[in-house]
């Protein structure tokens, strides 16, 4: 499915800029890669995943991911961390998102913040960010002050970004809601993007219990 969409991305015919633009806004380790792969299983959705990486120099999202695509693709987006939009080097992307109110925002969170932080520390320790190498639980001790600072910065970044995007259409979703009733939440999300819901799937493996 995804290979076909990547091929259609280069197809010179039947191209259009008339598609729904969206972003998945989140903190690291909140299930964003899982959601990204689920959305990509819909033949009408193309998610570019994480695009604001340190090694990349993106001038703007519009010419990078929102350039013309094959007309079969009806919704195109990517995932961006709240903390990235609060960095000075990505201020131009933040301004681009704020100025285009037609961009739909998927606000992905995780209710269990301790689990999020533990997952982050585990990934940093093992170097495994997708769960492909993990086969057992790993203990990662951390200080309460370190955790408290993480929570404070996370809340501050999320509040700043969502306040700036308060005129955009917003779909709030938690990792726990997605786990509890995947079909219901994904159907609602696909309708939010203006699409008729289809069954979605992901080959991604859970990193730990």
C-alpha atoms as a PDB file:
ATOM      1  CA  UNK A   1       0.000   0.000   0.000  1.00  0.00           C
ATOM      2  CA  UNK A   2       2.625   2.518   1.050  1.00  0.00           C
ATOM      3  CA  UNK A   3       4.948   1.605  -1.828  1.00  0.00           C
ATOM      4  CA  UNK A   4       2.112   2.279  -4.258  1.00  0.00           C
ATOM      5  CA  UNK A   5       1.546   5.729  -2.737  1.00  0.00           C
ATOM      6  CA  UNK A   6       5.257   6.558  -2.930  1.00  0.00           C
ATOM      7  CA  UNK A   7       5.190   5.605  -6.619  1.00  0.00           C
ATOM      8  CA  UNK A   8       2.082   7.704  -7.242  1.00  0.00           C
ATOM      9  CA  UNK A   9       3.858  10.619  -5.576  1.00  0.00           C
ATOM     10  CA  UNK A  10       6.162  10.750  -8.635  1.00  0.00           C
ATOM     11  CA  UNK A  11       3.436  10.003 -11.197  1.00  0.00           C
ATOM     12  CA  UNK A  12       3.290  13.037 -13.525  1.00  0.00           C
ATOM     13  CA  UNK A  13      -0.433  12.776 -14.335  1.00  0.00           C
ATOM     14  CA  UNK A  14      -3.651  13.436 -12.377  1.00  0.00           C
ATOM     15  CA  UNK A  15      -1.895  15.622  -9.822  1.00  0.00           C
ATOM     16  CA  UNK A  16      -3.617  18.093  -7.536  1.00  0.00           C
ATOM     17  CA  UNK A  17      -3.082  20.377  -4.545  1.00  0.00           C
ATOM     18  CA  UNK A  18      -6.688  19.911  -3.474  1.00  0.00           C
ATOM     19  CA  UNK A  19      -6.330  17.608  -0.479  1.00  0.00           C
ATOM     20  CA  UNK A  20      -6.810  17.890   3.276  1.00  0.00           C
ATOM     21  CA  UNK A  21      -3.690  19.000   5.109  1.00  0.00           C
ATOM     22  CA  UNK A  22      -3.191  17.700   8.651  1.00  0.00           C
ATOM     23  CA  UNK A  23      -0.591  17.395  11.392  1.00  0.00           C
ATOM     24  CA  UNK A  24      -0.269  14.996  14.300  1.00  0.00           C
ATOM     25  CA  UNK A  25       0.899  17.085  17.267  1.00  0.00           C
ATOM     26  CA  UNK A  26       2.255  15.165  20.227  1.00  0.00           C
ATOM     27  CA  UNK A  27       5.048  14.521  22.676  1.00  0.00           C
ATOM     28  CA  UNK A  28       7.559  11.722  22.025  1.00  0.00           C
ATOM     29  CA  UNK A  29       6.507   8.205  23.096  1.00  0.00           C
ATOM     30  CA  UNK A  30       2.742   8.826  22.950  1.00  0.00           C
ATOM     31  CA  UNK A  31       1.951   6.309  20.204  1.00  0.00           C
ATOM     32  CA  UNK A  32       2.481   8.703  17.302  1.00  0.00           C
ATOM     33  CA  UNK A  33       4.411   6.231  15.144  1.00  0.00           C
ATOM     34  CA  UNK A  34       1.655   3.668  15.672  1.00  0.00           C
ATOM     35  CA  UNK A  35      -1.003   6.212  14.659  1.00  0.00           C
ATOM     36  CA  UNK A  36       1.119   7.323  11.697  1.00  0.00           C
ATOM     37  CA  UNK A  37       1.369   3.752  10.375  1.00  0.00           C
ATOM     38  CA  UNK A  38      -2.343   3.144  10.955  1.00  0.00           C
ATOM     39  CA  UNK A  39      -3.260   6.194   8.886  1.00  0.00           C
ATOM     40  CA  UNK A  40      -0.881   5.150   6.121  1.00  0.00           C
ATOM     41  CA  UNK A  41      -2.826   1.900   5.687  1.00  0.00           C
ATOM     42  CA  UNK A  42      -5.667   3.987   4.230  1.00  0.00           C
ATOM     43  CA  UNK A  43      -5.030   4.294   0.447  1.00  0.00           C
ATOM     44  CA  UNK A  44      -6.334   7.880   0.539  1.00  0.00           C
ATOM     45  CA  UNK A  45      -4.045   9.083   3.347  1.00  0.00           C
ATOM     46  CA  UNK A  46      -0.329   9.816   3.119  1.00  0.00           C
ATOM     47  CA  UNK A  47       1.512  10.503   6.370  1.00  0.00           C
ATOM     48  CA  UNK A  48       5.155  11.501   6.117  1.00  0.00           C
ATOM     49  CA  UNK A  49       5.877  10.741   9.753  1.00  0.00           C
ATOM     50  CA  UNK A  50       8.388  12.908  11.612  1.00  0.00           C
ATOM     51  CA  UNK A  51       9.757  15.570   9.273  1.00  0.00           C
ATOM     52  CA  UNK A  52      11.387  18.114  11.611  1.00  0.00           C
ATOM     53  CA  UNK A  53      14.586  16.276  12.345  1.00  0.00           C
ATOM     54  CA  UNK A  54      17.879  17.788  13.353  1.00  0.00           C
ATOM     55  CA  UNK A  55      19.634  16.685  10.168  1.00  0.00           C
ATOM     56  CA  UNK A  56      16.970  18.098   7.875  1.00  0.00           C
ATOM     57  CA  UNK A  57      16.666  21.692   6.761  1.00  0.00           C
ATOM     58  CA  UNK A  58      13.000  22.225   5.896  1.00  0.00           C
ATOM     59  CA  UNK A  59      12.164  25.705   4.657  1.00  0.00           C
ATOM     60  CA  UNK A  60       8.399  25.089   4.802  1.00  0.00           C
ATOM     61  CA  UNK A  61       5.910  22.221   4.878  1.00  0.00           C
ATOM     62  CA  UNK A  62       3.945  23.410   1.843  1.00  0.00           C
ATOM     63  CA  UNK A  63       6.655  22.720  -0.776  1.00  0.00           C
ATOM     64  CA  UNK A  64       8.029  19.744   1.161  1.00  0.00           C
ATOM     65  CA  UNK A  65       5.067  17.466   1.925  1.00  0.00           C
ATOM     66  CA  UNK A  66       2.091  19.502   0.655  1.00  0.00           C
ATOM     67  CA  UNK A  67       3.204  19.880  -2.935  1.00  0.00           C
ATOM     68  CA  UNK A  68       0.973  18.407  -5.645  1.00  0.00           C
ATOM     69  CA  UNK A  69       0.193  14.687  -5.331  1.00  0.00           C
ATOM     70  CA  UNK A  70      -1.804  12.122  -7.250  1.00  0.00           C
ATOM     71  CA  UNK A  71      -5.529  12.849  -6.991  1.00  0.00           C
ATOM     72  CA  UNK A  72      -6.173   9.501  -5.261  1.00  0.00           C
ATOM     73  CA  UNK A  73      -4.511  10.914  -2.125  1.00  0.00           C
ATOM     74  CA  UNK A  74      -7.158  12.898  -0.229  1.00  0.00           C
ATOM     75  CA  UNK A  75      -5.341  13.717   3.032  1.00  0.00           C
ATOM     76  CA  UNK A  76      -1.639  14.431   3.570  1.00  0.00           C
ATOM     77  CA  UNK A  77       0.173  15.184   6.805  1.00  0.00           C
ATOM     78  CA  UNK A  78       3.023  14.468   9.171  1.00  0.00           C
ATOM     79  CA  UNK A  79       3.758  14.292  12.881  1.00  0.00           C
ATOM     80  CA  UNK A  80       5.457  17.085  14.800  1.00  0.00           C
ATOM     81  CA  UNK A  81       6.465  17.190  18.454  1.00  0.00           C
ATOM     82  CA  UNK A  82       5.278  20.141  20.522  1.00  0.00           C
ATOM     83  CA  UNK A  83       8.820  20.724  21.727  1.00  0.00           C
ATOM     84  CA  UNK A  84      10.051  21.056  18.139  1.00  0.00           C
ATOM     85  CA  UNK A  85       7.650  23.918  17.384  1.00  0.00           C
ATOM     86  CA  UNK A  86       8.992  25.717  20.468  1.00  0.00           C
ATOM     87  CA  UNK A  87      12.567  25.642  19.132  1.00  0.00           C
ATOM     88  CA  UNK A  88      13.836  28.771  17.396  1.00  0.00           C
ATOM     89  CA  UNK A  89      15.115  26.802  14.378  1.00  0.00           C
ATOM     90  CA  UNK A  90      11.566  25.654  13.578  1.00  0.00           C
ATOM     91  CA  UNK A  91       9.809  28.950  14.272  1.00  0.00           C
ATOM     92  CA  UNK A  92       9.131  29.410  10.537  1.00  0.00           C
ATOM     93  CA  UNK A  93       7.232  26.105  10.463  1.00  0.00           C
ATOM     94  CA  UNK A  94       5.240  27.127  13.539  1.00  0.00           C
ATOM     95  CA  UNK A  95       4.307  30.397  11.819  1.00  0.00           C
ATOM     96  CA  UNK A  96       3.292  28.486   8.687  1.00  0.00           C
ATOM     97  CA  UNK A  97       0.951  26.247  10.671  1.00  0.00           C
ATOM     98  CA  UNK A  98      -0.613  29.156  12.537  1.00  0.00           C
ATOM     99  CA  UNK A  99      -1.220  31.156   9.357  1.00  0.00           C
ATOM    100  CA  UNK A 100      -3.005  28.340   7.491  1.00  0.00           C
ATOM    101  CA  UNK A 101      -6.216  27.670   9.396  1.00  0.00           C
ATOM    102  CA  UNK A 102      -7.290  25.001   6.903  1.00  0.00           C
ATOM    103  CA  UNK A 103      -4.719  22.625   8.372  1.00  0.00           C
ATOM    104  CA  UNK A 104      -6.461  20.151  10.668  1.00  0.00           C
ATOM    105  CA  UNK A 105      -4.769  19.304  13.953  1.00  0.00           C
ATOM    106  CA  UNK A 106      -4.690  15.871  15.595  1.00  0.00           C
ATOM    107  CA  UNK A 107      -3.723  16.397  19.231  1.00  0.00           C
ATOM    108  CA  UNK A 108      -2.322  13.059  20.420  1.00  0.00           C
ATOM    109  CA  UNK A 109      -1.552  12.609  24.105  1.00  0.00           C
ATOM    110  CA  UNK A 110      -0.995   9.886  26.681  1.00  0.00           C
ATOM    111  CA  UNK A 111      -2.809   9.946  29.999  1.00  0.00           C
ATOM    112  CA  UNK A 112      -0.133   7.909  31.772  1.00  0.00           C
ATOM    113  CA  UNK A 113       2.675  10.471  31.736  1.00  0.00           C
ATOM    114  CA  UNK A 114       4.971   8.239  33.797  1.00  0.00           C
ATOM    115  CA  UNK A 115       4.687   5.530  31.156  1.00  0.00           C
ATOM    116  CA  UNK A 116       5.525   8.094  28.497  1.00  0.00           C
ATOM    117  CA  UNK A 117       8.601   9.251  30.396  1.00  0.00           C
ATOM    118  CA  UNK A 118       9.728   5.682  31.104  1.00  0.00           C
ATOM    119  CA  UNK A 119       9.334   4.819  27.420  1.00  0.00           C
ATOM    120  CA  UNK A 120      11.409   7.865  26.486  1.00  0.00           C
ATOM    121  CA  UNK A 121      14.201   6.970  28.915  1.00  0.00           C
ATOM    122  CA  UNK A 122      14.145   3.352  27.741  1.00  0.00           C
ATOM    123  CA  UNK A 123      14.463   4.366  24.080  1.00  0.00           C
ATOM    124  CA  UNK A 124      17.321   6.725  24.945  1.00  0.00           C
ATOM    125  CA  UNK A 125      19.113   3.934  26.838  1.00  0.00           C
ATOM    126  CA  UNK A 126      18.624   1.186  24.240  1.00  0.00           C
ATOM    127  CA  UNK A 127      18.631   3.250  21.054  1.00  0.00           C
ATOM    128  CA  UNK A 128      15.485   1.380  20.001  1.00  0.00           C
ATOM    129  CA  UNK A 129      12.766   3.893  19.088  1.00  0.00           C
ATOM    130  CA  UNK A 130      10.362   1.629  17.207  1.00  0.00           C
ATOM    131  CA  UNK A 131      10.299  -1.519  19.332  1.00  0.00           C
ATOM    132  CA  UNK A 132      11.875  -3.790  16.750  1.00  0.00           C
ATOM    133  CA  UNK A 133      14.781  -4.894  18.992  1.00  0.00           C
ATOM    134  CA  UNK A 134      13.101  -5.075  22.372  1.00  0.00           C
ATOM    135  CA  UNK A 135      12.312  -8.534  23.718  1.00  0.00           C
ATOM    136  CA  UNK A 136      12.243  -7.960  27.463  1.00  0.00           C
ATOM    137  CA  UNK A 137      11.454  -5.326  30.054  1.00  0.00           C
ATOM    138  CA  UNK A 138      14.298  -2.968  30.968  1.00  0.00           C
ATOM    139  CA  UNK A 139      14.515  -1.082  34.238  1.00  0.00           C
ATOM    140  CA  UNK A 140      15.296   2.596  33.794  1.00  0.00           C
ATOM    141  CA  UNK A 141      15.452   4.455  37.121  1.00  0.00           C
ATOM    142  CA  UNK A 142      14.999   8.215  37.120  1.00  0.00           C
ATOM    143  CA  UNK A 143      14.858  11.043  39.631  1.00  0.00           C
ATOM    144  CA  UNK A 144      11.541  12.637  40.606  1.00  0.00           C
ATOM    145  CA  UNK A 145      12.957  16.099  39.895  1.00  0.00           C
ATOM    146  CA  UNK A 146      13.867  14.981  36.382  1.00  0.00           C
ATOM    147  CA  UNK A 147      10.352  13.647  35.851  1.00  0.00           C
ATOM    148  CA  UNK A 148       8.727  16.789  37.287  1.00  0.00           C
ATOM    149  CA  UNK A 149      10.768  18.991  34.944  1.00  0.00           C
ATOM    150  CA  UNK A 150       9.746  16.811  32.003  1.00  0.00           C
ATOM    151  CA  UNK A 151       6.059  17.171  32.898  1.00  0.00           C
ATOM    152  CA  UNK A 152       6.378  20.933  33.344  1.00  0.00           C
ATOM    153  CA  UNK A 153       8.112  21.470  29.986  1.00  0.00           C
ATOM    154  CA  UNK A 154       5.711  19.118  28.224  1.00  0.00           C
ATOM    155  CA  UNK A 155       2.647  20.955  29.537  1.00  0.00           C
ATOM    156  CA  UNK A 156       4.191  24.339  28.778  1.00  0.00           C
ATOM    157  CA  UNK A 157       5.015  23.433  25.163  1.00  0.00           C
ATOM    158  CA  UNK A 158       1.627  21.840  24.501  1.00  0.00           C
ATOM    159  CA  UNK A 159      -0.249  24.789  25.983  1.00  0.00           C
ATOM    160  CA  UNK A 160       1.749  27.316  23.945  1.00  0.00           C
ATOM    161  CA  UNK A 161       1.218  25.490  20.645  1.00  0.00           C
ATOM    162  CA  UNK A 162      -2.474  24.717  21.092  1.00  0.00           C
ATOM    163  CA  UNK A 163      -3.178  28.290  22.157  1.00  0.00           C
ATOM    164  CA  UNK A 164      -1.598  29.548  18.941  1.00  0.00           C
ATOM    165  CA  UNK A 165      -3.643  27.042  16.912  1.00  0.00           C
ATOM    166  CA  UNK A 166      -6.955  27.672  18.666  1.00  0.00           C
ATOM    167  CA  UNK A 167      -8.683  28.653  15.402  1.00  0.00           C
ATOM    168  CA  UNK A 168      -7.836  25.349  13.711  1.00  0.00           C
ATOM    169  CA  UNK A 169     -10.110  22.313  13.651  1.00  0.00           C
ATOM    170  CA  UNK A 170      -8.876  20.037  16.414  1.00  0.00           C
ATOM    171  CA  UNK A 171      -9.269  16.303  17.042  1.00  0.00           C
ATOM    172  CA  UNK A 172      -8.081  15.264  20.505  1.00  0.00           C
ATOM    173  CA  UNK A 173      -7.084  11.646  20.986  1.00  0.00           C
ATOM    174  CA  UNK A 174      -5.264   9.816  23.757  1.00  0.00           C
ATOM    175  CA  UNK A 175      -3.170   6.696  23.398  1.00  0.00           C
ATOM    176  CA  UNK A 176      -5.406   5.005  25.961  1.00  0.00           C
ATOM    177  CA  UNK A 177      -8.552   5.799  23.965  1.00  0.00           C
ATOM    178  CA  UNK A 178      -6.965   4.330  20.848  1.00  0.00           C
ATOM    179  CA  UNK A 179      -5.977   1.141  22.685  1.00  0.00           C
ATOM    180  CA  UNK A 180      -9.424   0.781  24.268  1.00  0.00           C
ATOM    181  CA  UNK A 181     -11.436   1.058  21.027  1.00  0.00           C
ATOM    182  CA  UNK A 182      -9.195   1.317  17.989  1.00  0.00           C
ATOM    183  CA  UNK A 183     -11.962   0.943  15.400  1.00  0.00           C
ATOM    184  CA  UNK A 184     -14.189   3.611  16.942  1.00  0.00           C
ATOM    185  CA  UNK A 185     -11.429   6.190  17.310  1.00  0.00           C
ATOM    186  CA  UNK A 186      -9.946   5.581  13.859  1.00  0.00           C
ATOM    187  CA  UNK A 187     -13.356   5.844  12.216  1.00  0.00           C
ATOM    188  CA  UNK A 188     -13.944   9.177  13.978  1.00  0.00           C
ATOM    189  CA  UNK A 189     -10.500  10.363  12.944  1.00  0.00           C
ATOM    190  CA  UNK A 190     -10.999   9.422   9.290  1.00  0.00           C
ATOM    191  CA  UNK A 191     -14.302  11.321   9.241  1.00  0.00           C
ATOM    192  CA  UNK A 192     -12.512  14.285  10.799  1.00  0.00           C
ATOM    193  CA  UNK A 193     -10.174  14.230   7.778  1.00  0.00           C
ATOM    194  CA  UNK A 194     -13.184  14.197   5.458  1.00  0.00           C
ATOM    195  CA  UNK A 195     -12.886  10.541   4.444  1.00  0.00           C
ATOM    196  CA  UNK A 196     -15.188   7.538   4.511  1.00  0.00           C
ATOM    197  CA  UNK A 197     -13.787   5.206   7.206  1.00  0.00           C
ATOM    198  CA  UNK A 198     -12.073   1.994   6.166  1.00  0.00           C
ATOM    199  CA  UNK A 199     -10.417  -0.687   8.257  1.00  0.00           C
ATOM    200  CA  UNK A 200      -6.866   0.330   9.215  1.00  0.00           C
ATOM    201  CA  UNK A 201      -3.921  -1.762  10.405  1.00  0.00           C
ATOM    202  CA  UNK A 202      -0.319  -1.448  11.544  1.00  0.00           C
ATOM    203  CA  UNK A 203       2.599  -3.892  11.507  1.00  0.00           C
ATOM    204  CA  UNK A 204       4.319  -1.970  14.290  1.00  0.00           C
ATOM    205  CA  UNK A 205       5.162  -3.983  17.417  1.00  0.00           C
ATOM    206  CA  UNK A 206       4.627  -2.693  20.922  1.00  0.00           C
ATOM    207  CA  UNK A 207       7.967  -1.882  22.541  1.00  0.00           C
ATOM    208  CA  UNK A 208       7.188  -3.131  26.069  1.00  0.00           C
ATOM    209  CA  UNK A 209       4.323  -4.160  28.330  1.00  0.00           C
END
